[in-house]
Amino acid sequence: MAGYPLESWFTASPEDKEQTLRPRLRAVLAEWEELGARVVASLCDDALTVGPTQTDRPIFYLLFDVDSLDVVVAMIEAVRRRVDGVSLDRVLAWEARIGRPFYAREESWHE
């Protein structure tokens, strides 16, 4: 998964972020693991940026191992789902990418 904050994230009050948005984000991340998504790595490259993003370039990445495409579809649905009036797609843009190991890095490629 990759994503970036929308303008609505930056304009949300600190109280809204702490009491509503961050708890919902933590709940969605826990739901993903319940769905069977296994965290491999995460990366947030916002250390050298300030303010809202000017493009649709992701700034955070979450790499998961999943058993099926159905898990990924359910993960995206969890972002869209409104719970207690909160859906993360109003403040964070998300995209899922499906891939395979990079061929040039894998041992079998070197043989």
PDB file of N, CA and C in Angstrom:
ATOM      1  N   MET A   1       0.846  -1.170   0.000  1.00  0.00           N
ATOM      2  CA  MET A   1       0.000   0.000   0.000  1.00  0.00           C
ATOM      3  C   MET A   1       0.887   1.227   0.000  1.00  0.00           C
ATOM      4  N   ALA A   2       0.439   2.219  -0.675  1.00  0.00           N
ATOM      5  CA  ALA A   2       1.154   3.488  -0.700  1.00  0.00           C
ATOM      6  C   ALA A   2       0.126   4.595  -0.579  1.00  0.00           C
ATOM      7  N   GLY A   3       0.547   5.719  -0.051  1.00  0.00           N
ATOM      8  CA  GLY A   3      -0.408   6.806   0.081  1.00  0.00           C
ATOM      9  C   GLY A   3       0.242   8.118   0.447  1.00  0.00           C
ATOM     10  N   TYR A   4      -0.629   9.104   0.575  1.00  0.00           N
ATOM     11  CA  TYR A   4      -0.194  10.437   0.946  1.00  0.00           C
ATOM     12  C   TYR A   4      -1.367  11.182   1.571  1.00  0.00           C
ATOM     13  N   PRO A   5      -1.071  12.153   2.429  1.00  0.00           N
ATOM     14  CA  PRO A   5      -2.142  12.919   3.061  1.00  0.00           C
ATOM     15  C   PRO A   5      -2.773  13.888   2.065  1.00  0.00           C
ATOM     16  N   LEU A   6      -4.072  14.040   2.181  1.00  0.00           N
ATOM     17  CA  LEU A   6      -4.804  15.020   1.383  1.00  0.00           C
ATOM     18  C   LEU A   6      -4.840  16.348   2.133  1.00  0.00           C
ATOM     19  N   GLU A   7      -5.231  17.386   1.463  1.00  0.00           N
ATOM     20  CA  GLU A   7      -5.327  18.703   2.092  1.00  0.00           C
ATOM     21  C   GLU A   7      -6.189  18.644   3.350  1.00  0.00           C
ATOM     22  N   SER A   8      -7.218  17.814   3.344  1.00  0.00           N
ATOM     23  CA  SER A   8      -8.104  17.709   4.503  1.00  0.00           C
ATOM     24  C   SER A   8      -7.386  17.159   5.742  1.00  0.00           C
ATOM     25  N   TRP A   9      -6.303  16.387   5.547  1.00  0.00           N
ATOM     26  CA  TRP A   9      -5.510  15.947   6.699  1.00  0.00           C
ATOM     27  C   TRP A   9      -4.842  17.158   7.352  1.00  0.00           C
ATOM     28  N   PHE A  10      -4.275  18.021   6.525  1.00  0.00           N
ATOM     29  CA  PHE A  10      -3.537  19.169   7.049  1.00  0.00           C
ATOM     30  C   PHE A  10      -4.457  20.211   7.661  1.00  0.00           C
ATOM     31  N   THR A  11      -5.700  20.275   7.202  1.00  0.00           N
ATOM     32  CA  THR A  11      -6.627  21.263   7.762  1.00  0.00           C
ATOM     33  C   THR A  11      -7.432  20.706   8.934  1.00  0.00           C
ATOM     34  N   ALA A  12      -7.329  19.419   9.210  1.00  0.00           N
ATOM     35  CA  ALA A  12      -8.022  18.846  10.371  1.00  0.00           C
ATOM     36  C   ALA A  12      -7.394  19.394  11.650  1.00  0.00           C
ATOM     37  N   SER A  13      -8.217  19.598  12.634  1.00  0.00           N
ATOM     38  CA  SER A  13      -7.718  20.117  13.907  1.00  0.00           C
ATOM     39  C   SER A  13      -6.869  19.063  14.618  1.00  0.00           C
ATOM     40  N   PRO A  14      -5.976  19.488  15.469  1.00  0.00           N
ATOM     41  CA  PRO A  14      -5.198  18.510  16.259  1.00  0.00           C
ATOM     42  C   PRO A  14      -6.107  17.570  17.063  1.00  0.00           C
ATOM     43  N   GLU A  15      -7.213  18.095  17.568  1.00  0.00           N
ATOM     44  CA  GLU A  15      -8.152  17.263  18.318  1.00  0.00           C
ATOM     45  C   GLU A  15      -8.793  16.202  17.427  1.00  0.00           C
ATOM     46  N   ASP A  16      -9.178  16.593  16.210  1.00  0.00           N
ATOM     47  CA  ASP A  16      -9.774  15.639  15.269  1.00  0.00           C
ATOM     48  C   ASP A  16      -8.770  14.553  14.915  1.00  0.00           C
ATOM     49  N   LYS A  17      -7.531  14.937  14.712  1.00  0.00           N
ATOM     50  CA  LYS A  17      -6.500  13.947  14.390  1.00  0.00           C
ATOM     51  C   LYS A  17      -6.301  12.969  15.543  1.00  0.00           C
ATOM     52  N   GLU A  18      -6.171  13.496  16.756  1.00  0.00           N
ATOM     53  CA  GLU A  18      -5.884  12.637  17.909  1.00  0.00           C
ATOM     54  C   GLU A  18      -7.079  11.801  18.343  1.00  0.00           C
ATOM     55  N   GLN A  19      -8.269  12.366  18.286  1.00  0.00           N
ATOM     56  CA  GLN A  19      -9.450  11.686  18.815  1.00  0.00           C
ATOM     57  C   GLN A  19     -10.195  10.862  17.772  1.00  0.00           C
ATOM     58  N   THR A  20     -10.009  11.169  16.507  1.00  0.00           N
ATOM     59  CA  THR A  20     -10.810  10.518  15.468  1.00  0.00           C
ATOM     60  C   THR A  20      -9.963   9.845  14.391  1.00  0.00           C
ATOM     61  N   LEU A  21      -9.103  10.590  13.739  1.00  0.00           N
ATOM     62  CA  LEU A  21      -8.405  10.083  12.557  1.00  0.00           C
ATOM     63  C   LEU A  21      -7.328   9.061  12.884  1.00  0.00           C
ATOM     64  N   ARG A  22      -6.457   9.375  13.818  1.00  0.00           N
ATOM     65  CA  ARG A  22      -5.401   8.415  14.156  1.00  0.00           C
ATOM     66  C   ARG A  22      -5.960   7.129  14.767  1.00  0.00           C
ATOM     67  N   PRO A  23      -6.961   7.202  15.659  1.00  0.00           N
ATOM     68  CA  PRO A  23      -7.544   5.948  16.147  1.00  0.00           C
ATOM     69  C   PRO A  23      -8.162   5.112  15.025  1.00  0.00           C
ATOM     70  N   ARG A  24      -8.795   5.766  14.055  1.00  0.00           N
ATOM     71  CA  ARG A  24      -9.374   5.020  12.934  1.00  0.00           C
ATOM     72  C   ARG A  24      -8.266   4.395  12.092  1.00  0.00           C
ATOM     73  N   LEU A  25      -7.177   5.128  11.882  1.00  0.00           N
ATOM     74  CA  LEU A  25      -6.050   4.582  11.124  1.00  0.00           C
ATOM     75  C   LEU A  25      -5.478   3.358  11.830  1.00  0.00           C
ATOM     76  N   ARG A  26      -5.279   3.437  13.139  1.00  0.00           N
ATOM     77  CA  ARG A  26      -4.775   2.279  13.878  1.00  0.00           C
ATOM     78  C   ARG A  26      -5.738   1.099  13.779  1.00  0.00           C
ATOM     79  N   ALA A  27      -7.041   1.372  13.817  1.00  0.00           N
ATOM     80  CA  ALA A  27      -8.040   0.301  13.708  1.00  0.00           C
ATOM     81  C   ALA A  27      -7.986  -0.360  12.331  1.00  0.00           C
ATOM     82  N   VAL A  28      -7.819   0.434  11.277  1.00  0.00           N
ATOM     83  CA  VAL A  28      -7.731  -0.123   9.926  1.00  0.00           C
ATOM     84  C   VAL A  28      -6.477  -0.979   9.779  1.00  0.00           C
ATOM     85  N   LEU A  29      -5.353  -0.500  10.300  1.00  0.00           N
ATOM     86  CA  LEU A  29      -4.122  -1.288  10.222  1.00  0.00           C
ATOM     87  C   LEU A  29      -4.278  -2.619  10.954  1.00  0.00           C
ATOM     88  N   ALA A  30      -4.935  -2.608  12.092  1.00  0.00           N
ATOM     89  CA  ALA A  30      -5.185  -3.855  12.835  1.00  0.00           C
ATOM     90  C   ALA A  30      -6.128  -4.763  12.047  1.00  0.00           C
ATOM     91  N   GLU A  31      -7.132  -4.173  11.404  1.00  0.00           N
ATOM     92  CA  GLU A  31      -8.062  -4.963  10.585  1.00  0.00           C
ATOM     93  C   GLU A  31      -7.328  -5.637   9.425  1.00  0.00           C
ATOM     94  N   TRP A  32      -6.396  -4.945   8.815  1.00  0.00           N
ATOM     95  CA  TRP A  32      -5.630  -5.541   7.724  1.00  0.00           C
ATOM     96  C   TRP A  32      -4.905  -6.792   8.190  1.00  0.00           C
ATOM     97  N   GLU A  33      -4.321  -6.713   9.374  1.00  0.00           N
ATOM     98  CA  GLU A  33      -3.626  -7.891   9.894  1.00  0.00           C
ATOM     99  C   GLU A  33      -4.610  -9.016  10.199  1.00  0.00           C
ATOM    100  N   GLU A  34      -5.796  -8.669  10.694  1.00  0.00           N
ATOM    101  CA  GLU A  34      -6.832  -9.677  10.932  1.00  0.00           C
ATOM    102  C   GLU A  34      -7.272 -10.337   9.630  1.00  0.00           C
ATOM    103  N   LEU A  35      -7.216  -9.584   8.532  1.00  0.00           N
ATOM    104  CA  LEU A  35      -7.570 -10.127   7.217  1.00  0.00           C
ATOM    105  C   LEU A  35      -6.506 -11.087   6.689  1.00  0.00           C
ATOM    106  N   GLY A  36      -5.342 -11.086   7.333  1.00  0.00           N
ATOM    107  CA  GLY A  36      -4.267 -11.965   6.910  1.00  0.00           C
ATOM    108  C   GLY A  36      -3.112 -11.267   6.222  1.00  0.00           C
ATOM    109  N   ALA A  37      -3.133  -9.939   6.186  1.00  0.00           N
ATOM    110  CA  ALA A  37      -2.013  -9.197   5.602  1.00  0.00           C
ATOM    111  C   ALA A  37      -0.869  -9.181   6.613  1.00  0.00           C
ATOM    112  N   ARG A  38       0.276  -9.666   6.193  1.00  0.00           N
ATOM    113  CA  ARG A  38       1.443  -9.761   7.065  1.00  0.00           C
ATOM    114  C   ARG A  38       2.436  -8.651   6.702  1.00  0.00           C
ATOM    115  N   VAL A  39       2.744  -7.807   7.679  1.00  0.00           N
ATOM    116  CA  VAL A  39       3.641  -6.676   7.447  1.00  0.00           C
ATOM    117  C   VAL A  39       5.046  -7.183   7.155  1.00  0.00           C
ATOM    118  N   VAL A  40       5.613  -6.698   6.062  1.00  0.00           N
ATOM    119  CA  VAL A  40       6.990  -7.002   5.697  1.00  0.00           C
ATOM    120  C   VAL A  40       7.876  -5.803   6.036  1.00  0.00           C
ATOM    121  N   ALA A  41       7.404  -4.601   5.712  1.00  0.00           N
ATOM    122  CA  ALA A  41       8.185  -3.391   5.971  1.00  0.00           C
ATOM    123  C   ALA A  41       7.282  -2.172   5.831  1.00  0.00           C
ATOM    124  N   SER A  42       7.745  -1.054   6.358  1.00  0.00           N
ATOM    125  CA  SER A  42       7.059   0.216   6.162  1.00  0.00           C
ATOM    126  C   SER A  42       8.095   1.313   5.993  1.00  0.00           C
ATOM    127  N   LEU A  43       7.678   2.382   5.335  1.00  0.00           N
ATOM    128  CA  LEU A  43       8.575   3.495   5.067  1.00  0.00           C
ATOM    129  C   LEU A  43       7.736   4.756   4.948  1.00  0.00           C
ATOM    130  N   CYS A  44       8.173   5.801   5.613  1.00  0.00           N
ATOM    131  CA  CYS A  44       7.550   7.113   5.455  1.00  0.00           C
ATOM    132  C   CYS A  44       8.672   8.075   5.118  1.00  0.00           C
ATOM    133  N   ASP A  45       8.596   8.693   3.949  1.00  0.00           N
ATOM    134  CA  ASP A  45       9.703   9.548   3.521  1.00  0.00           C
ATOM    135  C   ASP A  45       9.374  11.033   3.664  1.00  0.00           C
ATOM    136  N   ASP A  46       8.671  11.388   4.749  1.00  0.00           N
ATOM    137  CA  ASP A  46       8.296  12.776   4.951  1.00  0.00           C
ATOM    138  C   ASP A  46       9.303  13.574   5.768  1.00  0.00           C
ATOM    139  N   ALA A  47      10.429  12.986   6.132  1.00  0.00           N
ATOM    140  CA  ALA A  47      11.401  13.679   6.974  1.00  0.00           C
ATOM    141  C   ALA A  47      11.977  14.924   6.303  1.00  0.00           C
ATOM    142  N   LEU A  48      11.980  14.944   4.989  1.00  0.00           N
ATOM    143  CA  LEU A  48      12.562  16.077   4.281  1.00  0.00           C
ATOM    144  C   LEU A  48      11.522  16.890   3.522  1.00  0.00           C
ATOM    145  N   THR A  49      10.263  16.820   3.982  1.00  0.00           N
ATOM    146  CA  THR A  49       9.202  17.608   3.356  1.00  0.00           C
ATOM    147  C   THR A  49       8.493  18.434   4.422  1.00  0.00           C
ATOM    148  N   VAL A  50       7.853  19.491   3.981  1.00  0.00           N
ATOM    149  CA  VAL A  50       7.097  20.360   4.866  1.00  0.00           C
ATOM    150  C   VAL A  50       5.779  20.679   4.186  1.00  0.00           C
ATOM    151  N   GLY A  51       4.683  20.594   4.928  1.00  0.00           N
ATOM    152  CA  GLY A  51       3.379  21.003   4.420  1.00  0.00           C
ATOM    153  C   GLY A  51       2.751  19.976   3.502  1.00  0.00           C
ATOM    154  N   PRO A  52       1.636  20.367   2.920  1.00  0.00           N
ATOM    155  CA  PRO A  52       0.903  19.452   2.039  1.00  0.00           C
ATOM    156  C   PRO A  52       1.710  19.048   0.819  1.00  0.00           C
ATOM    157  N   THR A  53       1.512  17.819   0.369  1.00  0.00           N
ATOM    158  CA  THR A  53       2.176  17.369  -0.847  1.00  0.00           C
ATOM    159  C   THR A  53       1.598  18.104  -2.043  1.00  0.00           C
ATOM    160  N   GLN A  54       2.417  18.372  -3.013  1.00  0.00           N
ATOM    161  CA  GLN A  54       1.984  19.096  -4.203  1.00  0.00           C
ATOM    162  C   GLN A  54       1.649  18.165  -5.357  1.00  0.00           C
ATOM    163  N   THR A  55       1.948  16.899  -5.216  1.00  0.00           N
ATOM    164  CA  THR A  55       1.659  15.936  -6.268  1.00  0.00           C
ATOM    165  C   THR A  55       0.955  14.744  -5.647  1.00  0.00           C
ATOM    166  N   ASP A  56       0.655  13.782  -6.468  1.00  0.00           N
ATOM    167  CA  ASP A  56       0.044  12.562  -5.955  1.00  0.00           C
ATOM    168  C   ASP A  56       1.101  11.488  -5.689  1.00  0.00           C
ATOM    169  N   ARG A  57       2.327  11.904  -5.415  1.00  0.00           N
ATOM    170  CA  ARG A  57       3.405  10.976  -5.106  1.00  0.00           C
ATOM    171  C   ARG A  57       3.240  10.466  -3.682  1.00  0.00           C
ATOM    172  N   PRO A  58       3.217   9.165  -3.503  1.00  0.00           N
ATOM    173  CA  PRO A  58       3.100   8.632  -2.145  1.00  0.00           C
ATOM    174  C   PRO A  58       4.266   9.079  -1.266  1.00  0.00           C
ATOM    175  N   ILE A  59       3.965   9.265   0.019  1.00  0.00           N
ATOM    176  CA  ILE A  59       5.035   9.546   0.980  1.00  0.00           C
ATOM    177  C   ILE A  59       5.134   8.441   2.023  1.00  0.00           C
ATOM    178  N   PHE A  60       4.107   7.566   2.075  1.00  0.00           N
ATOM    179  CA  PHE A  60       4.242   6.433   2.977  1.00  0.00           C
ATOM    180  C   PHE A  60       3.946   5.150   2.212  1.00  0.00           C
ATOM    181  N   TYR A  61       4.639   4.109   2.626  1.00  0.00           N
ATOM    182  CA  TYR A  61       4.561   2.816   1.964  1.00  0.00           C
ATOM    183  C   TYR A  61       4.458   1.738   3.032  1.00  0.00           C
ATOM    184  N   LEU A  62       3.561   0.810   2.836  1.00  0.00           N
ATOM    185  CA  LEU A  62       3.424  -0.345   3.719  1.00  0.00           C
ATOM    186  C   LEU A  62       3.468  -1.578   2.838  1.00  0.00           C
ATOM    187  N   LEU A  63       4.443  -2.410   3.065  1.00  0.00           N
ATOM    188  CA  LEU A  63       4.645  -3.608   2.260  1.00  0.00           C
ATOM    189  C   LEU A  63       4.099  -4.804   3.029  1.00  0.00           C
ATOM    190  N   PHE A  64       3.186  -5.524   2.398  1.00  0.00           N
ATOM    191  CA  PHE A  64       2.541  -6.674   3.014  1.00  0.00           C
ATOM    192  C   PHE A  64       2.731  -7.919   2.164  1.00  0.00           C
ATOM    193  N   ASP A  65       2.727  -9.039   2.820  1.00  0.00           N
ATOM    194  CA  ASP A  65       2.630 -10.330   2.156  1.00  0.00           C
ATOM    195  C   ASP A  65       1.185 -10.771   2.347  1.00  0.00           C
ATOM    196  N   VAL A  66       0.504 -11.092   1.262  1.00  0.00           N
ATOM    197  CA  VAL A  66      -0.897 -11.524   1.331  1.00  0.00           C
ATOM    198  C   VAL A  66      -1.064 -12.808   0.534  1.00  0.00           C
ATOM    199  N   ASP A  67      -2.088 -13.566   0.892  1.00  0.00           N
ATOM    200  CA  ASP A  67      -2.326 -14.843   0.233  1.00  0.00           C
ATOM    201  C   ASP A  67      -3.189 -14.746  -1.017  1.00  0.00           C
ATOM    202  N   SER A  68      -3.939 -13.632  -1.151  1.00  0.00           N
ATOM    203  CA  SER A  68      -4.813 -13.531  -2.322  1.00  0.00           C
ATOM    204  C   SER A  68      -5.167 -12.075  -2.609  1.00  0.00           C
ATOM    205  N   LEU A  69      -5.610 -11.847  -3.817  1.00  0.00           N
ATOM    206  CA  LEU A  69      -6.083 -10.531  -4.224  1.00  0.00           C
ATOM    207  C   LEU A  69      -7.296 -10.115  -3.397  1.00  0.00           C
ATOM    208  N   ASP A  70      -8.103 -11.069  -2.967  1.00  0.00           N
ATOM    209  CA  ASP A  70      -9.274 -10.760  -2.145  1.00  0.00           C
ATOM    210  C   ASP A  70      -8.885 -10.025  -0.867  1.00  0.00           C
ATOM    211  N   VAL A  71      -7.740 -10.360  -0.298  1.00  0.00           N
ATOM    212  CA  VAL A  71      -7.272  -9.674   0.915  1.00  0.00           C
ATOM    213  C   VAL A  71      -7.003  -8.209   0.594  1.00  0.00           C
ATOM    214  N   VAL A  72      -6.370  -7.939  -0.521  1.00  0.00           N
ATOM    215  CA  VAL A  72      -6.052  -6.561  -0.908  1.00  0.00           C
ATOM    216  C   VAL A  72      -7.329  -5.766  -1.158  1.00  0.00           C
ATOM    217  N   VAL A  73      -8.291  -6.372  -1.809  1.00  0.00           N
ATOM    218  CA  VAL A  73      -9.578  -5.706  -2.047  1.00  0.00           C
ATOM    219  C   VAL A  73     -10.237  -5.366  -0.709  1.00  0.00           C
ATOM    220  N   ALA A  74     -10.221  -6.282   0.234  1.00  0.00           N
ATOM    221  CA  ALA A  74     -10.796  -6.037   1.553  1.00  0.00           C
ATOM    222  C   ALA A  74     -10.036  -4.944   2.302  1.00  0.00           C
ATOM    223  N   MET A  75      -8.735  -4.870   2.095  1.00  0.00           N
ATOM    224  CA  MET A  75      -7.938  -3.824   2.736  1.00  0.00           C
ATOM    225  C   MET A  75      -8.358  -2.442   2.238  1.00  0.00           C
ATOM    226  N   ILE A  76      -8.518  -2.304   0.941  1.00  0.00           N
ATOM    227  CA  ILE A  76      -8.953  -1.024   0.378  1.00  0.00           C
ATOM    228  C   ILE A  76     -10.374  -0.694   0.843  1.00  0.00           C
ATOM    229  N   GLU A  77     -11.226  -1.686   0.901  1.00  0.00           N
ATOM    230  CA  GLU A  77     -12.597  -1.459   1.377  1.00  0.00           C
ATOM    231  C   GLU A  77     -12.597  -0.952   2.818  1.00  0.00           C
ATOM    232  N   ALA A  78     -11.680  -1.440   3.638  1.00  0.00           N
ATOM    233  CA  ALA A  78     -11.593  -0.980   5.022  1.00  0.00           C
ATOM    234  C   ALA A  78     -11.253   0.511   5.093  1.00  0.00           C
ATOM    235  N   VAL A  79     -10.458   0.988   4.155  1.00  0.00           N
ATOM    236  CA  VAL A  79     -10.129   2.418   4.104  1.00  0.00           C
ATOM    237  C   VAL A  79     -11.368   3.227   3.748  1.00  0.00           C
ATOM    238  N   ARG A  80     -12.191   2.711   2.850  1.00  0.00           N
ATOM    239  CA  ARG A  80     -13.397   3.417   2.396  1.00  0.00           C
ATOM    240  C   ARG A  80     -14.531   3.386   3.414  1.00  0.00           C
ATOM    241  N   ARG A  81     -14.562   2.323   4.218  1.00  0.00           N
ATOM    242  CA  ARG A  81     -15.693   2.107   5.131  1.00  0.00           C
ATOM    243  C   ARG A  81     -15.765   3.208   6.178  1.00  0.00           C
ATOM    244  N   ARG A  82     -16.972   3.730   6.354  1.00  0.00           N
ATOM    245  CA  ARG A  82     -17.221   4.760   7.364  1.00  0.00           C
ATOM    246  C   ARG A  82     -17.575   4.071   8.677  1.00  0.00           C
ATOM    247  N   VAL A  83     -16.795   4.351   9.710  1.00  0.00           N
ATOM    248  CA  VAL A  83     -17.033   3.804  11.042  1.00  0.00           C
ATOM    249  C   VAL A  83     -17.113   4.977  12.009  1.00  0.00           C
ATOM    250  N   ASP A  84     -18.212   5.053  12.715  1.00  0.00           N
ATOM    251  CA  ASP A  84     -18.428   6.170  13.641  1.00  0.00           C
ATOM    252  C   ASP A  84     -18.221   7.515  12.951  1.00  0.00           C
ATOM    253  N   GLY A  85     -18.673   7.596  11.709  1.00  0.00           N
ATOM    254  CA  GLY A  85     -18.587   8.838  10.953  1.00  0.00           C
ATOM    255  C   GLY A  85     -17.239   9.122  10.321  1.00  0.00           C
ATOM    256  N   VAL A  86     -16.310   8.169  10.403  1.00  0.00           N
ATOM    257  CA  VAL A  86     -14.956   8.411   9.895  1.00  0.00           C
ATOM    258  C   VAL A  86     -14.610   7.409   8.810  1.00  0.00           C
ATOM    259  N   SER A  87     -14.179   7.916   7.656  1.00  0.00           N
ATOM    260  CA  SER A  87     -13.576   7.074   6.623  1.00  0.00           C
ATOM    261  C   SER A  87     -12.248   7.732   6.248  1.00  0.00           C
ATOM    262  N   LEU A  88     -11.222   6.917   6.184  1.00  0.00           N
ATOM    263  CA  LEU A  88      -9.884   7.463   5.957  1.00  0.00           C
ATOM    264  C   LEU A  88      -9.676   8.029   4.568  1.00  0.00           C
ATOM    265  N   ASP A  89     -10.519   7.640   3.616  1.00  0.00           N
ATOM    266  CA  ASP A  89     -10.321   8.143   2.260  1.00  0.00           C
ATOM    267  C   ASP A  89     -10.636   9.628   2.130  1.00  0.00           C
ATOM    268  N   ARG A  90     -11.182  10.228   3.158  1.00  0.00           N
ATOM    269  CA  ARG A  90     -11.420  11.678   3.116  1.00  0.00           C
ATOM    270  C   ARG A  90     -10.178  12.472   3.485  1.00  0.00           C
ATOM    271  N   VAL A  91      -9.188  11.821   4.103  1.00  0.00           N
ATOM    272  CA  VAL A  91      -7.991  12.536   4.540  1.00  0.00           C
ATOM    273  C   VAL A  91      -6.686  11.954   4.009  1.00  0.00           C
ATOM    274  N   LEU A  92      -6.718  10.711   3.543  1.00  0.00           N
ATOM    275  CA  LEU A  92      -5.524  10.048   3.035  1.00  0.00           C
ATOM    276  C   LEU A  92      -5.835   9.372   1.709  1.00  0.00           C
ATOM    277  N   ALA A  93      -4.987   9.570   0.732  1.00  0.00           N
ATOM    278  CA  ALA A  93      -5.122   8.851  -0.536  1.00  0.00           C
ATOM    279  C   ALA A  93      -4.341   7.552  -0.408  1.00  0.00           C
ATOM    280  N   TRP A  94      -4.910   6.460  -0.915  1.00  0.00           N
ATOM    281  CA  TRP A  94      -4.291   5.142  -0.818  1.00  0.00           C
ATOM    282  C   TRP A  94      -4.280   4.485  -2.187  1.00  0.00           C
ATOM    283  N   GLU A  95      -3.283   3.683  -2.430  1.00  0.00           N
ATOM    284  CA  GLU A  95      -3.305   2.832  -3.614  1.00  0.00           C
ATOM    285  C   GLU A  95      -2.625   1.521  -3.269  1.00  0.00           C
ATOM    286  N   ALA A  96      -3.143   0.475  -3.844  1.00  0.00           N
ATOM    287  CA  ALA A  96      -2.556  -0.852  -3.655  1.00  0.00           C
ATOM    288  C   ALA A  96      -1.842  -1.240  -4.937  1.00  0.00           C
ATOM    289  N   ARG A  97      -0.719  -1.846  -4.777  1.00  0.00           N
ATOM    290  CA  ARG A  97       0.023  -2.373  -5.921  1.00  0.00           C
ATOM    291  C   ARG A  97       0.328  -3.829  -5.640  1.00  0.00           C
ATOM    292  N   ILE A  98       0.211  -4.624  -6.661  1.00  0.00           N
ATOM    293  CA  ILE A  98       0.511  -6.046  -6.559  1.00  0.00           C
ATOM    294  C   ILE A  98       1.796  -6.287  -7.330  1.00  0.00           C
ATOM    295  N   GLY A  99       2.689  -7.020  -6.740  1.00  0.00           N
ATOM    296  CA  GLY A  99       3.947  -7.257  -7.424  1.00  0.00           C
ATOM    297  C   GLY A  99       4.532  -8.608  -7.059  1.00  0.00           C
ATOM    298  N   ARG A 100       5.716  -8.797  -7.553  1.00  0.00           N
ATOM    299  CA  ARG A 100       6.462 -10.029  -7.297  1.00  0.00           C
ATOM    300  C   ARG A 100       7.877  -9.620  -6.931  1.00  0.00           C
ATOM    301  N   PRO A 101       8.683 -10.528  -6.432  1.00  0.00           N
ATOM    302  CA  PRO A 101      10.071 -10.171  -6.124  1.00  0.00           C
ATOM    303  C   PRO A 101      10.774  -9.620  -7.369  1.00  0.00           C
ATOM    304  N   PHE A 102      11.650  -8.670  -7.162  1.00  0.00           N
ATOM    305  CA  PHE A 102      12.404  -8.062  -8.246  1.00  0.00           C
ATOM    306  C   PHE A 102      13.395  -9.078  -8.790  1.00  0.00           C
ATOM    307  N   TYR A 103      13.264  -9.394 -10.064  1.00  0.00           N
ATOM    308  CA  TYR A 103      14.032 -10.487 -10.675  1.00  0.00           C
ATOM    309  C   TYR A 103      15.544 -10.304 -10.564  1.00  0.00           C
ATOM    310  N   ALA A 104      16.029  -9.087 -10.658  1.00  0.00           N
ATOM    311  CA  ALA A 104      17.472  -8.865 -10.657  1.00  0.00           C
ATOM    312  C   ALA A 104      18.091  -9.048  -9.269  1.00  0.00           C
ATOM    313  N   ARG A 105      17.275  -9.055  -8.238  1.00  0.00           N
ATOM    314  CA  ARG A 105      17.786  -9.215  -6.892  1.00  0.00           C
ATOM    315  C   ARG A 105      17.739 -10.670  -6.439  1.00  0.00           C
ATOM    316  N   GLU A 106      16.900 -11.453  -7.022  1.00  0.00           N
ATOM    317  CA  GLU A 106      16.686 -12.820  -6.558  1.00  0.00           C
ATOM    318  C   GLU A 106      17.853 -13.724  -6.932  1.00  0.00           C
ATOM    319  N   GLU A 107      18.150 -14.657  -6.070  1.00  0.00           N
ATOM    320  CA  GLU A 107      19.273 -15.571  -6.265  1.00  0.00           C
ATOM    321  C   GLU A 107      19.162 -16.363  -7.574  1.00  0.00           C
ATOM    322  N   SER A 108      17.973 -16.786  -7.947  1.00  0.00           N
ATOM    323  CA  SER A 108      17.820 -17.598  -9.151  1.00  0.00           C
ATOM    324  C   SER A 108      18.224 -16.834 -10.408  1.00  0.00           C
ATOM    325  N   TRP A 109      18.143 -15.518 -10.382  1.00  0.00           N
ATOM    326  CA  TRP A 109      18.505 -14.708 -11.532  1.00  0.00           C
ATOM    327  C   TRP A 109      20.013 -14.769 -11.779  1.00  0.00           C
ATOM    328  N   HIS A 110      20.786 -14.923 -10.702  1.00  0.00           N
ATOM    329  CA  HIS A 110      22.233 -14.930 -10.811  1.00  0.00           C
ATOM    330  C   HIS A 110      22.789 -16.270 -11.311  1.00  0.00           C
ATOM    331  N   GLU A 111      22.001 -17.290 -11.310  1.00  0.00           N
ATOM    332  CA  GLU A 111      22.481 -18.624 -11.690  1.00  0.00           C
ATOM    333  C   GLU A 111      22.627 -18.776 -13.180  1.00  0.00           C
TER     334      GLU A 111
END
